[in-house]
Every structure is written in C-alpha cells, then in structure tokens.
Amino acid sequence: MGVKKATNLYTDAFKRLRRNKPAMFGLAFVIFITIIAILAPLLAPADPNKIDLQNRLKPMGSSSKICKNGVYLLGSDEYGRDILSRLIYGARVSLLVGVVTQFITTVIGIIVGALAGYYGGAIDMFMMRVADVLFAFPELLFYIGMMFALGPGLTNMFIALSVIGWAGKARLVRSQVISLKETEFVEAAKAQGLSDFRIITKHILPNCMGPIIVSVSLGIPGSILAEAGLSFLGLGILPPTPSWGNMIRSASAYLRIQPWYAVWPGLVLMLATFSFNLLGDGLRDALDPRLKQ
C-alpha cells in the first residue's frame, strides 16, 4: 500500500482553487495585468505623456509619429497621446493603489484586531468603538472629504483609503482571535510560559490567515474602484500621470464625438475588478474547511 502524502489547509485549498474555472480565469488575468504593469516601459509603444497635437483623437489603426510601431493601436487622446501606452502605465497606478492600500489596512487591522480580541476588556471596547465611528461614515463621501482636505496625489490617496479601510479587517481578525484564544493549543502555549506576543504571532495569527487572504483579495478591487472614482472626480491622480480613472474623466468630454476613447479604460477597469472579485470568491470557497472532502 502506498503512503498517503500529508496535506495541509493551503495545499488542499490550492487544489480546490484549480478546479474553480472562474477563479482561475481571474487569477490568470490578475497575473497578466501585473506583468503588463511591471514591464510597462518595455511593452508600451510610446511615452504615455508624449504629445502630438497634429494627431488628436485619432481612431484605432491610425498612423503615428510617436509610437515605435508607427500606429495608434487603440487610437489617440485629445493631446495626441497613445491610449494604449497610457492604459499600460495606468495599470501601474491602479495596482499600486490597490496593493499598497490593502497592505496598510491589513497591517493595522491585524494589530488592532489581535490586541482587541486577545486582551478584551477596555482595550477591546476602545478599539471597537473607534472602528464603529469609522463605519458610521459613508465610504465614498469620506474619501472625497479626505482628498478634498489633503489634496490630490498618490500619497494622499494611500492615506485617505487607509484611514477607514482597516476597521473591517480589525473586526474580522478580532472575531477569529476570540474564537481561537480559548482553544487547547493556545492554552498549552500559555502553560509553557510563552509570551503573549509569541502566542499571538506564532499560534493564533497563522490560523487566521485564510479569512485575511480572502479579505485582501476582495479589498483590492474596491481600492482600485475608489481610485478610479476619485480620479474621475478630479480628486485622485491628476494628469498627465495616467490612471484609468482620469482617462475616463478626460474621455467623458468626447463621448459623442469619439466614444471609443472612454471604452478602453472603462473596459480594462471592469475586467480588472471583475477578475479580482472572481479570484476572491474562489479563494473564499477554497479556504473554507467545510468544503474539504
């Protein structure tokens, strides 16, 4: 008889994820767009900010003086800039906002949630009431107010999206910690005289990673859409730096003349957020121990 290989939660989760075709499509597109963003200087056919006013609002396939291949593959914008190049560089901004914002909110959420859930009492009461106050604000209005106060820019966007974003993750981690801190392996760690820091970081938090991973994967598209919305309102990434949101804002003035100008950034934004959501849903199902067979 053969010896059955030992498995763990994440090995089994990856096997289940591979059987989820929508999730694998989402993962493939996320990897694709990440590679595009990383290799933007090599893949973009032109400088995204290079202007050619003689070739404004050209349709797809028009000849170009600024593109390496001599053609506007997706057309040009109101300044004659190559739309494809701006889409490629815009992916950098959108992914950077999504990843950095989720990293910041996750770190804060883990720290706050772990302390509140493990110690309880006054610490739990204070931290959760702060989270409740943040939950009372409508997210979009809060982001708009923060960006209006701080001013447009990438760094200020990180701050605005992170100030309120950690509260949900803190509640998630807190609930996981509360359910784990009374388990036998935690009690055994306490009996061995381990410090609270070691118990939390080595024994409790590793068992909370499944829900945290799912929360991050579902939070990234939310951050990307928030950046696009703020940039569309003129409160996010300002031109000439390309982002999908400010490209849609610029294209809105030419919808009747050249509707394709707005189609491309809108389509890429939709596919990116849709793919992240598919991946997040797949991870949620794959990391659910109740689905293990």
C-alpha atoms as a PDB file:
ATOM      1  CA  MET A   1       0.000   0.000   0.000  1.00  0.00           C
ATOM      2  CA  GLY A   2       1.225   3.450  -0.866  1.00  0.00           C
ATOM      3  CA  VAL A   3       1.736   6.052   1.803  1.00  0.00           C
ATOM      4  CA  LYS A   4      -0.719   8.943   1.520  1.00  0.00           C
ATOM      5  CA  LYS A   5       1.049  12.261   1.317  1.00  0.00           C
ATOM      6  CA  ALA A   6       0.412  14.673   4.169  1.00  0.00           C
ATOM      7  CA  THR A   7      -1.589  17.734   3.219  1.00  0.00           C
ATOM      8  CA  ASN A   8      -2.460  20.989   4.932  1.00  0.00           C
ATOM      9  CA  LEU A   9      -5.161  23.612   4.574  1.00  0.00           C
ATOM     10  CA  TYR A  10      -3.336  25.636   1.912  1.00  0.00           C
ATOM     11  CA  THR A  11      -2.367  22.613  -0.196  1.00  0.00           C
ATOM     12  CA  ASP A  12      -5.964  21.427  -0.219  1.00  0.00           C
ATOM     13  CA  ALA A  13      -7.165  24.982  -0.862  1.00  0.00           C
ATOM     14  CA  PHE A  14      -4.935  25.314  -3.920  1.00  0.00           C
ATOM     15  CA  LYS A  15      -6.259  22.034  -5.301  1.00  0.00           C
ATOM     16  CA  ARG A  16      -9.836  23.250  -4.873  1.00  0.00           C
ATOM     17  CA  LEU A  17      -8.930  26.605  -6.388  1.00  0.00           C
ATOM     18  CA  ARG A  18      -7.531  24.906  -9.504  1.00  0.00           C
ATOM     19  CA  ARG A  19     -10.883  23.188 -10.030  1.00  0.00           C
ATOM     20  CA  ASN A  20     -12.695  26.543  -9.909  1.00  0.00           C
ATOM     21  CA  LYS A  21     -12.584  27.754 -13.520  1.00  0.00           C
ATOM     22  CA  PRO A  22     -13.907  31.301 -12.898  1.00  0.00           C
ATOM     23  CA  ALA A  23     -11.333  31.778 -10.132  1.00  0.00           C
ATOM     24  CA  MET A  24      -8.536  30.513 -12.378  1.00  0.00           C
ATOM     25  CA  PHE A  25      -9.649  32.939 -15.089  1.00  0.00           C
ATOM     26  CA  GLY A  26      -9.495  35.733 -12.524  1.00  0.00           C
ATOM     27  CA  LEU A  27      -6.041  34.611 -11.370  1.00  0.00           C
ATOM     28  CA  ALA A  28      -4.769  34.417 -14.955  1.00  0.00           C
ATOM     29  CA  PHE A  29      -5.967  37.944 -15.757  1.00  0.00           C
ATOM     30  CA  VAL A  30      -4.556  39.325 -12.493  1.00  0.00           C
ATOM     31  CA  ILE A  31      -1.164  37.776 -13.303  1.00  0.00           C
ATOM     32  CA  PHE A  32      -1.388  39.079 -16.873  1.00  0.00           C
ATOM     33  CA  ILE A  33      -2.164  42.652 -15.872  1.00  0.00           C
ATOM     34  CA  THR A  34       0.526  42.550 -13.163  1.00  0.00           C
ATOM     35  CA  ILE A  35       3.143  41.505 -15.718  1.00  0.00           C
ATOM     36  CA  ILE A  36       1.910  44.253 -18.061  1.00  0.00           C
ATOM     37  CA  ALA A  37       2.300  46.839 -15.289  1.00  0.00           C
ATOM     38  CA  ILE A  38       5.779  45.661 -14.287  1.00  0.00           C
ATOM     39  CA  LEU A  39       7.030  45.586 -17.876  1.00  0.00           C
ATOM     40  CA  ALA A  40       5.307  48.827 -18.902  1.00  0.00           C
ATOM     41  CA  PRO A  41       8.491  50.575 -20.140  1.00  0.00           C
ATOM     42  CA  LEU A  42       9.225  47.622 -22.411  1.00  0.00           C
ATOM     43  CA  LEU A  43       5.682  46.973 -23.635  1.00  0.00           C
ATOM     44  CA  ALA A  44       4.301  50.470 -24.116  1.00  0.00           C
ATOM     45  CA  PRO A  45       4.644  51.525 -27.772  1.00  0.00           C
ATOM     46  CA  ALA A  46       5.198  55.184 -26.812  1.00  0.00           C
ATOM     47  CA  ASP A  47       5.903  57.565 -23.961  1.00  0.00           C
ATOM     48  CA  PRO A  48       2.468  57.863 -22.264  1.00  0.00           C
ATOM     49  CA  ASN A  49       2.887  61.622 -21.849  1.00  0.00           C
ATOM     50  CA  LYS A  50       4.291  62.440 -25.285  1.00  0.00           C
ATOM     51  CA  ILE A  51       2.045  64.911 -27.111  1.00  0.00           C
ATOM     52  CA  ASP A  52       1.319  65.103 -30.838  1.00  0.00           C
ATOM     53  CA  LEU A  53      -1.354  67.761 -31.354  1.00  0.00           C
ATOM     54  CA  GLN A  54      -1.497  67.100 -35.091  1.00  0.00           C
ATOM     55  CA  ASN A  55      -2.899  63.628 -34.368  1.00  0.00           C
ATOM     56  CA  ARG A  56      -5.613  64.359 -31.822  1.00  0.00           C
ATOM     57  CA  LEU A  57      -8.453  61.863 -31.279  1.00  0.00           C
ATOM     58  CA  LYS A  58      -7.298  59.516 -33.996  1.00  0.00           C
ATOM     59  CA  PRO A  59      -9.176  56.204 -34.405  1.00  0.00           C
ATOM     60  CA  MET A  60      -7.649  52.760 -33.950  1.00  0.00           C
ATOM     61  CA  GLY A  61      -5.013  51.821 -36.503  1.00  0.00           C
ATOM     62  CA  SER A  62      -4.147  55.399 -37.476  1.00  0.00           C
ATOM     63  CA  SER A  63      -0.563  56.216 -38.356  1.00  0.00           C
ATOM     64  CA  SER A  64       1.506  57.683 -35.530  1.00  0.00           C
ATOM     65  CA  LYS A  65       4.754  59.626 -35.281  1.00  0.00           C
ATOM     66  CA  ILE A  66       5.264  58.925 -31.576  1.00  0.00           C
ATOM     67  CA  CYS A  67       4.654  55.144 -31.426  1.00  0.00           C
ATOM     68  CA  LYS A  68       7.504  52.711 -32.001  1.00  0.00           C
ATOM     69  CA  ASN A  69       5.387  50.655 -34.389  1.00  0.00           C
ATOM     70  CA  GLY A  70       4.124  53.750 -36.215  1.00  0.00           C
ATOM     71  CA  VAL A  71       0.462  53.014 -35.411  1.00  0.00           C
ATOM     72  CA  TYR A  72      -2.043  54.095 -32.754  1.00  0.00           C
ATOM     73  CA  LEU A  73      -3.319  50.598 -31.966  1.00  0.00           C
ATOM     74  CA  LEU A  74      -6.150  51.929 -29.761  1.00  0.00           C
ATOM     75  CA  GLY A  75      -6.228  55.485 -31.045  1.00  0.00           C
ATOM     76  CA  SER A  76      -5.041  58.746 -29.513  1.00  0.00           C
ATOM     77  CA  ASP A  77      -6.472  61.114 -26.914  1.00  0.00           C
ATOM     78  CA  GLU A  78      -7.205  64.851 -27.064  1.00  0.00           C
ATOM     79  CA  TYR A  79      -3.472  65.666 -26.942  1.00  0.00           C
ATOM     80  CA  GLY A  80      -2.414  63.034 -29.464  1.00  0.00           C
ATOM     81  CA  ARG A  81      -1.033  60.735 -26.771  1.00  0.00           C
ATOM     82  CA  ASP A  82      -1.146  56.984 -27.365  1.00  0.00           C
ATOM     83  CA  ILE A  83      -4.114  55.488 -25.484  1.00  0.00           C
ATOM     84  CA  LEU A  84      -2.604  52.001 -25.301  1.00  0.00           C
ATOM     85  CA  SER A  85       0.553  53.315 -23.636  1.00  0.00           C
ATOM     86  CA  ARG A  86      -1.493  55.285 -21.128  1.00  0.00           C
ATOM     87  CA  LEU A  87      -3.604  52.208 -20.361  1.00  0.00           C
ATOM     88  CA  ILE A  88      -0.479  50.167 -19.707  1.00  0.00           C
ATOM     89  CA  TYR A  89       1.041  52.791 -17.396  1.00  0.00           C
ATOM     90  CA  GLY A  90      -2.366  53.342 -15.791  1.00  0.00           C
ATOM     91  CA  ALA A  91      -2.305  49.701 -14.692  1.00  0.00           C
ATOM     92  CA  ARG A  92       0.710  50.551 -12.547  1.00  0.00           C
ATOM     93  CA  VAL A  93      -1.202  53.236 -10.685  1.00  0.00           C
ATOM     94  CA  SER A  94      -4.325  51.144 -10.155  1.00  0.00           C
ATOM     95  CA  LEU A  95      -2.461  48.061  -8.941  1.00  0.00           C
ATOM     96  CA  LEU A  96      -0.176  50.156  -6.744  1.00  0.00           C
ATOM     97  CA  VAL A  97      -3.145  51.840  -5.073  1.00  0.00           C
ATOM     98  CA  GLY A  98      -4.916  48.509  -4.591  1.00  0.00           C
ATOM     99  CA  VAL A  99      -1.927  46.615  -3.195  1.00  0.00           C
ATOM    100  CA  VAL A 100      -0.408  49.343  -1.025  1.00  0.00           C
ATOM    101  CA  THR A 101      -3.755  50.365   0.458  1.00  0.00           C
ATOM    102  CA  GLN A 102      -4.627  46.767   1.299  1.00  0.00           C
ATOM    103  CA  PHE A 103      -1.180  46.208   2.806  1.00  0.00           C
ATOM    104  CA  ILE A 104      -1.535  49.229   5.091  1.00  0.00           C
ATOM    105  CA  THR A 105      -5.105  48.431   6.155  1.00  0.00           C
ATOM    106  CA  THR A 106      -4.261  44.759   6.701  1.00  0.00           C
ATOM    107  CA  VAL A 107      -1.278  45.519   8.936  1.00  0.00           C
ATOM    108  CA  ILE A 108      -3.304  47.988  11.013  1.00  0.00           C
ATOM    109  CA  GLY A 109      -6.324  45.673  11.082  1.00  0.00           C
ATOM    110  CA  ILE A 110      -4.255  42.685  12.230  1.00  0.00           C
ATOM    111  CA  ILE A 111      -2.595  44.643  15.036  1.00  0.00           C
ATOM    112  CA  VAL A 112      -5.817  46.257  16.274  1.00  0.00           C
ATOM    113  CA  GLY A 113      -7.946  43.125  15.871  1.00  0.00           C
ATOM    114  CA  ALA A 114      -5.404  40.835  17.530  1.00  0.00           C
ATOM    115  CA  LEU A 115      -4.979  43.114  20.553  1.00  0.00           C
ATOM    116  CA  ALA A 116      -8.720  43.687  20.929  1.00  0.00           C
ATOM    117  CA  GLY A 117      -9.615  40.020  20.553  1.00  0.00           C
ATOM    118  CA  TYR A 118      -6.849  38.613  22.746  1.00  0.00           C
ATOM    119  CA  TYR A 119      -6.972  41.046  25.678  1.00  0.00           C
ATOM    120  CA  GLY A 120     -10.633  42.076  25.563  1.00  0.00           C
ATOM    121  CA  GLY A 121     -11.875  44.433  28.249  1.00  0.00           C
ATOM    122  CA  ALA A 122     -11.142  48.143  27.968  1.00  0.00           C
ATOM    123  CA  ILE A 123      -8.747  47.647  25.045  1.00  0.00           C
ATOM    124  CA  ASP A 124     -11.400  45.811  23.062  1.00  0.00           C
ATOM    125  CA  MET A 125     -14.067  48.357  23.968  1.00  0.00           C
ATOM    126  CA  PHE A 126     -11.949  51.367  22.934  1.00  0.00           C
ATOM    127  CA  MET A 127     -10.657  49.937  19.656  1.00  0.00           C
ATOM    128  CA  MET A 128     -14.015  48.609  18.511  1.00  0.00           C
ATOM    129  CA  ARG A 129     -15.775  51.879  19.307  1.00  0.00           C
ATOM    130  CA  VAL A 130     -13.221  53.690  17.142  1.00  0.00           C
ATOM    131  CA  ALA A 131     -13.986  51.173  14.389  1.00  0.00           C
ATOM    132  CA  ASP A 132     -17.720  51.761  14.864  1.00  0.00           C
ATOM    133  CA  VAL A 133     -17.230  55.514  14.431  1.00  0.00           C
ATOM    134  CA  LEU A 134     -15.402  54.912  11.151  1.00  0.00           C
ATOM    135  CA  PHE A 135     -18.118  52.520   9.998  1.00  0.00           C
ATOM    136  CA  ALA A 136     -20.671  55.300  10.527  1.00  0.00           C
ATOM    137  CA  PHE A 137     -19.213  57.319   7.613  1.00  0.00           C
ATOM    138  CA  PRO A 138     -20.298  56.540   4.036  1.00  0.00           C
ATOM    139  CA  GLU A 139     -17.044  55.387   2.433  1.00  0.00           C
ATOM    140  CA  LEU A 140     -17.206  57.404  -0.782  1.00  0.00           C
ATOM    141  CA  LEU A 141     -18.138  60.632   0.983  1.00  0.00           C
ATOM    142  CA  PHE A 142     -15.358  60.033   3.499  1.00  0.00           C
ATOM    143  CA  TYR A 143     -12.810  59.520   0.709  1.00  0.00           C
ATOM    144  CA  ILE A 144     -13.992  62.660  -1.071  1.00  0.00           C
ATOM    145  CA  GLY A 145     -13.744  64.698   2.123  1.00  0.00           C
ATOM    146  CA  MET A 146     -10.273  63.363   2.914  1.00  0.00           C
ATOM    147  CA  MET A 147      -8.954  64.025  -0.587  1.00  0.00           C
ATOM    148  CA  PHE A 148     -10.509  67.485  -0.602  1.00  0.00           C
ATOM    149  CA  ALA A 149      -8.737  68.236   2.683  1.00  0.00           C
ATOM    150  CA  LEU A 150      -5.392  66.629   1.794  1.00  0.00           C
ATOM    151  CA  GLY A 151      -5.320  67.479  -1.904  1.00  0.00           C
ATOM    152  CA  PRO A 152      -4.930  65.203  -4.940  1.00  0.00           C
ATOM    153  CA  GLY A 153      -1.949  62.873  -5.198  1.00  0.00           C
ATOM    154  CA  LEU A 154      -0.890  59.272  -4.811  1.00  0.00           C
ATOM    155  CA  THR A 155       0.430  59.542  -1.245  1.00  0.00           C
ATOM    156  CA  ASN A 156      -2.683  61.343  -0.040  1.00  0.00           C
ATOM    157  CA  MET A 157      -4.812  58.659  -1.686  1.00  0.00           C
ATOM    158  CA  PHE A 158      -2.994  55.972   0.308  1.00  0.00           C
ATOM    159  CA  ILE A 159      -3.801  57.903   3.475  1.00  0.00           C
ATOM    160  CA  ALA A 160      -7.447  58.536   2.598  1.00  0.00           C
ATOM    161  CA  LEU A 161      -8.199  54.933   1.642  1.00  0.00           C
ATOM    162  CA  SER A 162      -6.335  53.520   4.644  1.00  0.00           C
ATOM    163  CA  VAL A 163      -7.856  55.690   7.377  1.00  0.00           C
ATOM    164  CA  ILE A 164     -11.218  53.947   7.163  1.00  0.00           C
ATOM    165  CA  GLY A 165     -10.262  50.679   5.457  1.00  0.00           C
ATOM    166  CA  TRP A 166      -8.619  48.986   8.450  1.00  0.00           C
ATOM    167  CA  ALA A 167     -11.803  48.862  10.536  1.00  0.00           C
ATOM    168  CA  GLY A 168     -13.385  45.942   8.672  1.00  0.00           C
ATOM    169  CA  LYS A 169     -10.198  43.891   8.837  1.00  0.00           C
ATOM    170  CA  ALA A 170      -9.816  44.644  12.537  1.00  0.00           C
ATOM    171  CA  ARG A 171     -13.278  43.249  13.207  1.00  0.00           C
ATOM    172  CA  LEU A 172     -12.538  40.185  11.114  1.00  0.00           C
ATOM    173  CA  VAL A 173      -9.262  39.450  12.937  1.00  0.00           C
ATOM    174  CA  ARG A 174     -10.837  40.164  16.317  1.00  0.00           C
ATOM    175  CA  SER A 175     -13.590  37.592  15.745  1.00  0.00           C
ATOM    176  CA  GLN A 176     -11.029  34.992  14.643  1.00  0.00           C
ATOM    177  CA  VAL A 177      -8.790  35.644  17.636  1.00  0.00           C
ATOM    178  CA  ILE A 178     -11.694  35.411  20.096  1.00  0.00           C
ATOM    179  CA  SER A 179     -12.671  32.009  18.684  1.00  0.00           C
ATOM    180  CA  LEU A 180      -9.068  30.733  18.836  1.00  0.00           C
ATOM    181  CA  LYS A 181      -7.725  32.072  22.132  1.00  0.00           C
ATOM    182  CA  GLU A 182      -9.638  29.514  24.229  1.00  0.00           C
ATOM    183  CA  THR A 183      -8.583  26.508  22.149  1.00  0.00           C
ATOM    184  CA  GLU A 184      -6.436  23.732  23.583  1.00  0.00           C
ATOM    185  CA  PHE A 185      -3.275  24.554  21.645  1.00  0.00           C
ATOM    186  CA  VAL A 186      -3.357  28.166  22.874  1.00  0.00           C
ATOM    187  CA  GLU A 187      -3.911  27.013  26.462  1.00  0.00           C
ATOM    188  CA  ALA A 188      -0.963  24.633  26.050  1.00  0.00           C
ATOM    189  CA  ALA A 189       1.203  27.509  24.808  1.00  0.00           C
ATOM    190  CA  LYS A 190       0.226  29.570  27.873  1.00  0.00           C
ATOM    191  CA  ALA A 191       1.042  26.633  30.148  1.00  0.00           C
ATOM    192  CA  GLN A 192       4.527  26.511  28.614  1.00  0.00           C
ATOM    193  CA  GLY A 193       5.075  30.097  29.705  1.00  0.00           C
ATOM    194  CA  LEU A 194       5.204  31.607  26.224  1.00  0.00           C
ATOM    195  CA  SER A 195       4.792  35.369  25.988  1.00  0.00           C
ATOM    196  CA  ASP A 196       1.568  36.900  24.706  1.00  0.00           C
ATOM    197  CA  PHE A 197       3.431  38.246  21.667  1.00  0.00           C
ATOM    198  CA  ARG A 198       4.683  34.787  20.735  1.00  0.00           C
ATOM    199  CA  ILE A 199       1.292  33.179  21.305  1.00  0.00           C
ATOM    200  CA  ILE A 200      -0.437  35.752  19.102  1.00  0.00           C
ATOM    201  CA  THR A 201       2.144  35.776  16.294  1.00  0.00           C
ATOM    202  CA  LYS A 202       3.121  32.089  16.247  1.00  0.00           C
ATOM    203  CA  HIS A 203      -0.039  30.276  17.277  1.00  0.00           C
ATOM    204  CA  ILE A 204      -3.129  32.437  16.705  1.00  0.00           C
ATOM    205  CA  LEU A 205      -2.490  34.650  13.662  1.00  0.00           C
ATOM    206  CA  PRO A 206      -1.265  31.822  11.381  1.00  0.00           C
ATOM    207  CA  ASN A 207      -4.674  30.204  11.879  1.00  0.00           C
ATOM    208  CA  CYS A 208      -6.402  33.449  10.866  1.00  0.00           C
ATOM    209  CA  MET A 209      -4.638  33.832   7.528  1.00  0.00           C
ATOM    210  CA  GLY A 210      -7.345  32.196   5.394  1.00  0.00           C
ATOM    211  CA  PRO A 211     -10.027  34.848   6.051  1.00  0.00           C
ATOM    212  CA  ILE A 212      -7.401  37.606   5.904  1.00  0.00           C
ATOM    213  CA  ILE A 213      -6.202  36.476   2.462  1.00  0.00           C
ATOM    214  CA  VAL A 214      -9.784  36.433   1.195  1.00  0.00           C
ATOM    215  CA  SER A 215     -10.418  39.893   2.666  1.00  0.00           C
ATOM    216  CA  VAL A 216      -7.345  41.307   0.919  1.00  0.00           C
ATOM    217  CA  SER A 217      -8.212  39.736  -2.444  1.00  0.00           C
ATOM    218  CA  LEU A 218     -11.723  41.195  -2.265  1.00  0.00           C
ATOM    219  CA  GLY A 219     -10.456  44.537  -0.956  1.00  0.00           C
ATOM    220  CA  ILE A 220      -8.048  45.239  -3.812  1.00  0.00           C
ATOM    221  CA  PRO A 221     -10.791  45.773  -6.446  1.00  0.00           C
ATOM    222  CA  GLY A 222     -12.590  48.071  -4.016  1.00  0.00           C
ATOM    223  CA  SER A 223      -9.468  50.204  -3.689  1.00  0.00           C
ATOM    224  CA  ILE A 224      -8.975  50.220  -7.469  1.00  0.00           C
ATOM    225  CA  LEU A 225     -12.552  51.406  -8.000  1.00  0.00           C
ATOM    226  CA  ALA A 226     -12.149  54.038  -5.266  1.00  0.00           C
ATOM    227  CA  GLU A 227      -9.043  55.395  -7.008  1.00  0.00           C
ATOM    228  CA  ALA A 228     -10.855  55.439 -10.343  1.00  0.00           C
ATOM    229  CA  GLY A 229     -13.842  57.230  -8.820  1.00  0.00           C
ATOM    230  CA  LEU A 230     -11.729  59.858  -7.066  1.00  0.00           C
ATOM    231  CA  SER A 231      -9.604  60.407 -10.177  1.00  0.00           C
ATOM    232  CA  PHE A 232     -12.773  60.755 -12.248  1.00  0.00           C
ATOM    233  CA  LEU A 233     -13.901  63.486  -9.846  1.00  0.00           C
ATOM    234  CA  GLY A 234     -10.531  65.224 -10.125  1.00  0.00           C
ATOM    235  CA  LEU A 235      -9.537  64.382  -6.542  1.00  0.00           C
ATOM    236  CA  GLY A 236      -7.214  61.445  -7.183  1.00  0.00           C
ATOM    237  CA  ILE A 237      -4.379  61.023  -9.650  1.00  0.00           C
ATOM    238  CA  LEU A 238      -4.081  64.188 -11.724  1.00  0.00           C
ATOM    239  CA  PRO A 239      -2.944  64.337 -15.356  1.00  0.00           C
ATOM    240  CA  PRO A 240      -0.521  63.996 -17.001  1.00  0.00           C
ATOM    241  CA  THR A 241       0.092  60.892 -14.839  1.00  0.00           C
ATOM    242  CA  PRO A 242      -2.120  58.264 -16.467  1.00  0.00           C
ATOM    243  CA  SER A 243      -4.699  56.348 -14.466  1.00  0.00           C
ATOM    244  CA  TRP A 244      -7.815  54.604 -15.691  1.00  0.00           C
ATOM    245  CA  GLY A 245      -9.996  56.973 -13.693  1.00  0.00           C
ATOM    246  CA  ASN A 246      -8.592  60.217 -15.043  1.00  0.00           C
ATOM    247  CA  MET A 247      -8.580  58.743 -18.561  1.00  0.00           C
ATOM    248  CA  ILE A 248     -12.324  58.159 -18.282  1.00  0.00           C
ATOM    249  CA  ARG A 249     -12.728  61.686 -16.907  1.00  0.00           C
ATOM    250  CA  SER A 250     -10.892  63.151 -19.901  1.00  0.00           C
ATOM    251  CA  ALA A 251     -12.802  60.949 -22.349  1.00  0.00           C
ATOM    252  CA  SER A 252     -16.196  61.996 -20.946  1.00  0.00           C
ATOM    253  CA  ALA A 253     -15.958  65.285 -22.856  1.00  0.00           C
ATOM    254  CA  TYR A 254     -15.714  63.406 -26.155  1.00  0.00           C
ATOM    255  CA  LEU A 255     -18.311  60.651 -25.690  1.00  0.00           C
ATOM    256  CA  ARG A 256     -20.454  61.799 -28.601  1.00  0.00           C
ATOM    257  CA  ILE A 257     -17.525  62.541 -30.882  1.00  0.00           C
ATOM    258  CA  GLN A 258     -15.246  59.579 -30.116  1.00  0.00           C
ATOM    259  CA  PRO A 259     -16.945  57.112 -27.729  1.00  0.00           C
ATOM    260  CA  TRP A 260     -14.134  54.556 -28.119  1.00  0.00           C
ATOM    261  CA  TYR A 261     -11.856  56.871 -26.124  1.00  0.00           C
ATOM    262  CA  ALA A 262     -13.800  56.070 -22.936  1.00  0.00           C
ATOM    263  CA  VAL A 263     -14.462  52.422 -23.826  1.00  0.00           C
ATOM    264  CA  TRP A 264     -10.888  51.187 -23.391  1.00  0.00           C
ATOM    265  CA  PRO A 265     -10.111  52.439 -19.857  1.00  0.00           C
ATOM    266  CA  GLY A 266     -13.639  51.517 -18.761  1.00  0.00           C
ATOM    267  CA  LEU A 267     -13.296  48.012 -20.185  1.00  0.00           C
ATOM    268  CA  VAL A 268      -9.892  47.403 -18.597  1.00  0.00           C
ATOM    269  CA  LEU A 269     -11.132  48.728 -15.245  1.00  0.00           C
ATOM    270  CA  MET A 270     -14.165  46.435 -15.415  1.00  0.00           C
ATOM    271  CA  LEU A 271     -12.075  43.360 -16.315  1.00  0.00           C
ATOM    272  CA  ALA A 272      -9.532  44.052 -13.570  1.00  0.00           C
ATOM    273  CA  THR A 273     -12.092  44.455 -10.801  1.00  0.00           C
ATOM    274  CA  PHE A 274     -14.156  41.528 -12.108  1.00  0.00           C
ATOM    275  CA  SER A 275     -11.064  39.288 -12.135  1.00  0.00           C
ATOM    276  CA  PHE A 276     -10.083  40.212  -8.589  1.00  0.00           C
ATOM    277  CA  ASN A 277     -13.627  39.511  -7.421  1.00  0.00           C
ATOM    278  CA  LEU A 278     -13.641  36.125  -9.169  1.00  0.00           C
ATOM    279  CA  LEU A 279     -10.321  35.285  -7.543  1.00  0.00           C
ATOM    280  CA  GLY A 280     -11.537  36.469  -4.140  1.00  0.00           C
ATOM    281  CA  ASP A 281     -14.706  34.395  -4.356  1.00  0.00           C
ATOM    282  CA  GLY A 282     -12.642  31.379  -5.404  1.00  0.00           C
ATOM    283  CA  LEU A 283     -10.236  31.831  -2.507  1.00  0.00           C
ATOM    284  CA  ARG A 284     -13.130  32.153  -0.087  1.00  0.00           C
ATOM    285  CA  ASP A 285     -14.564  28.848  -1.258  1.00  0.00           C
ATOM    286  CA  ALA A 286     -11.168  27.124  -1.411  1.00  0.00           C
ATOM    287  CA  LEU A 287     -10.114  28.201   2.082  1.00  0.00           C
ATOM    288  CA  ASP A 288     -13.386  27.151   3.701  1.00  0.00           C
ATOM    289  CA  PRO A 289     -12.522  23.995   5.677  1.00  0.00           C
ATOM    290  CA  ARG A 290     -16.166  22.862   5.495  1.00  0.00           C
ATOM    291  CA  LEU A 291     -15.685  22.208   1.775  1.00  0.00           C
ATOM    292  CA  LYS A 292     -12.835  19.764   2.338  1.00  0.00           C
ATOM    293  CA  GLN A 293     -13.687  16.324   1.058  1.00  0.00           C
END
